[in-house]
Amino acid sequence: EVLTIQRDWYQRAIRPHVASTMHERTLLLKSMPIFQDNDYGQCMALANIMTFRTYPSNTPIIQQGEIPNHIFFITRGHCRVLKDLHMPAEELETLLRPVDPPILSYHSNSPLKTDARKRPGACDAGFFGVAGSNG
C-alpha cells in the first residue's frame, strides 16, 4: 500500500524541519572563521547546497593523490590526515618515534587541540560539491 497525502499537508509538515536544519547549517558556517565575515543570507545560500555524511571509524574520506571535488568540514568527531612519504625505512623509523602529543584533533566547539587519549572514530562531515561533480 502507498500512502498519498496532499502537497500542502506535506509542505506544512516538512517546512519547519527544513527551516530548522537550514538555520543550524547557517549558524555552523557563521561559526567558522572563513565565513564569519559573510552575512547570514550568504551563509544560508551555502548551507542550502551543503550535504552531510557520517563516515564510520577508519573509513577513508579521501585518498592521497585524489583530486577532491568537495570542501570538507568536520562537524563532529575527528579524523587523521595521513601521508605516504615514500622514504627509506631508516628515515621513517626516525620520523615515527613516539612524540607528545601523538594525535591532533579538531573539535567544532573548541580550537585545534591535541588529545593523546582520543583515537579516530566516526566523524560527521559537511561538504560542498564543485559544479558538475559526482559527489
Protein backbone atom coordinates (compact mmCIF):
# COMPACT_ATOMS: atom_id res chain seq x y z
CA GLU A 1 0.00 0.00 0.00
CA VAL A 2 1.11 3.54 -0.71
CA LEU A 3 0.09 6.45 1.44
CA THR A 4 -0.77 9.56 -0.53
CA ILE A 5 -1.10 12.98 1.08
CA GLN A 6 -1.86 16.35 -0.36
CA ARG A 7 1.09 18.54 -1.29
CA ASP A 8 0.12 21.39 1.06
CA TRP A 9 -0.10 18.95 4.00
CA TYR A 10 3.33 17.64 3.17
CA GLN A 11 4.71 21.17 2.89
CA ARG A 12 3.24 22.14 6.27
CA ALA A 13 4.69 19.02 7.88
CA ILE A 14 8.18 19.27 6.41
CA ARG A 15 8.76 23.04 6.25
CA PRO A 16 9.56 23.50 9.99
CA HIS A 17 12.15 20.72 9.84
CA VAL A 18 13.77 22.14 6.70
CA ALA A 19 13.83 25.64 8.18
CA SER A 20 15.40 24.37 11.40
CA THR A 21 18.03 22.36 9.52
CA MET A 22 18.92 25.33 7.31
CA HIS A 23 19.24 27.61 10.34
CA GLU A 24 21.56 25.11 12.09
CA ARG A 25 23.74 24.74 8.99
CA THR A 26 23.87 28.51 8.53
CA LEU A 27 24.96 29.02 12.14
CA LEU A 28 27.58 26.30 11.71
CA LEU A 29 29.05 28.17 8.75
CA LYS A 30 28.88 31.53 10.56
CA SER A 31 30.86 29.99 13.43
CA MET A 32 33.79 29.16 11.13
CA PRO A 33 36.48 31.85 10.79
CA ILE A 34 36.49 31.54 6.99
CA PHE A 35 32.78 32.51 6.83
CA GLN A 36 32.42 34.84 9.84
CA ASP A 37 32.51 37.99 7.68
CA ASN A 38 29.76 36.69 5.38
CA ASP A 39 26.24 37.81 6.16
CA TYR A 40 23.53 35.37 7.22
CA GLY A 41 21.97 35.26 3.73
CA GLN A 42 25.26 34.34 2.07
CA CYS A 43 25.86 31.57 4.60
CA MET A 44 22.29 30.34 4.16
CA ALA A 45 22.83 30.11 0.39
CA LEU A 46 25.90 27.95 1.03
CA ALA A 47 24.06 25.90 3.66
CA ASN A 48 21.39 25.18 1.07
CA ILE A 49 23.90 23.28 -1.10
CA MET A 50 25.71 21.51 1.76
CA THR A 51 25.47 17.76 2.10
CA PHE A 52 26.16 15.93 5.35
CA ARG A 53 27.60 12.44 5.62
CA THR A 54 28.67 10.27 8.51
CA TYR A 55 31.84 8.27 7.98
CA PRO A 56 32.37 5.16 10.11
CA SER A 57 35.58 4.76 12.07
CA ASN A 58 38.69 4.09 9.96
CA THR A 59 36.94 4.89 6.68
CA PRO A 60 38.99 7.00 4.27
CA ILE A 61 37.27 10.25 3.31
CA ILE A 62 39.75 10.97 0.51
CA GLN A 63 42.88 9.16 -0.66
CA GLN A 64 46.31 10.69 -1.17
CA GLY A 65 46.70 11.77 -4.78
CA GLU A 66 42.95 12.14 -5.41
CA ILE A 67 41.82 15.48 -6.72
CA PRO A 68 38.92 16.40 -4.42
CA ASN A 69 35.69 17.79 -5.83
CA HIS A 70 34.45 18.86 -2.39
CA ILE A 71 35.45 21.05 0.52
CA PHE A 72 35.13 19.04 3.72
CA PHE A 73 34.27 20.41 7.15
CA ILE A 74 34.44 18.07 10.13
CA THR A 75 31.39 18.98 12.19
CA ARG A 76 31.60 16.25 14.83
CA GLY A 77 34.27 13.74 15.75
CA HIS A 78 37.80 13.84 14.43
CA CYS A 79 39.94 12.38 11.70
CA ARG A 80 43.55 11.64 10.92
CA VAL A 81 45.46 13.07 7.99
CA LEU A 82 47.96 10.53 6.72
CA LYS A 83 50.59 11.00 4.04
CA ASP A 84 52.71 8.36 2.31
CA LEU A 85 56.22 9.82 2.48
CA HIS A 86 57.98 7.37 0.13
CA MET A 87 61.08 7.26 2.35
CA PRO A 88 63.68 4.62 3.15
CA ALA A 89 62.79 2.54 6.24
CA GLU A 90 65.58 4.10 8.36
CA GLU A 91 64.26 7.62 7.82
CA LEU A 92 60.70 6.51 8.53
CA GLU A 93 61.76 4.90 11.81
CA THR A 94 63.28 8.21 12.88
CA LEU A 95 60.09 10.08 11.99
CA LEU A 96 57.83 7.51 13.64
CA ARG A 97 59.43 7.68 17.07
CA PRO A 98 56.78 8.46 19.67
CA VAL A 99 56.18 12.15 20.18
CA ASP A 100 53.97 14.02 22.56
CA PRO A 101 51.20 14.62 21.61
CA PRO A 102 50.63 11.86 19.05
CA ILE A 103 47.24 12.94 17.66
CA LEU A 104 45.80 16.29 16.60
CA SER A 105 42.04 16.53 16.88
CA TYR A 106 39.69 19.28 15.81
CA HIS A 107 36.54 19.61 17.84
CA SER A 108 33.96 22.02 16.47
CA ASN A 109 33.34 23.58 19.89
CA SER A 110 36.97 24.35 20.62
CA PRO A 111 40.15 25.47 18.87
CA LEU A 112 42.57 22.95 17.39
CA LYS A 113 43.92 20.90 20.24
CA THR A 114 45.72 17.67 20.94
CA ASP A 115 44.42 14.73 22.89
CA ALA A 116 46.52 11.60 23.26
CA ARG A 117 43.60 9.66 24.76
CA LYS A 118 41.30 10.07 21.77
CA ARG A 119 41.54 7.76 18.81
CA PRO A 120 39.90 8.32 15.44
CA GLY A 121 36.28 7.26 15.36
CA ALA A 122 33.24 8.06 13.32
CA CYS A 123 33.00 11.64 12.16
CA ASP A 124 30.36 13.77 10.51
CA ALA A 125 31.40 15.97 7.63
CA GLY A 126 29.56 18.67 5.77
CA PHE A 127 30.84 19.45 2.32
CA PHE A 128 30.18 21.49 -0.77
CA GLY A 129 30.42 19.84 -4.16
CA VAL A 130 32.00 21.53 -7.14
CA ALA A 131 29.56 22.16 -10.01
CA GLY A 132 29.41 19.16 -12.29
CA SER A 133 30.90 16.79 -9.73
CA ASN A 134 29.59 13.32 -8.99
CA GLY A 135 29.78 13.68 -5.23
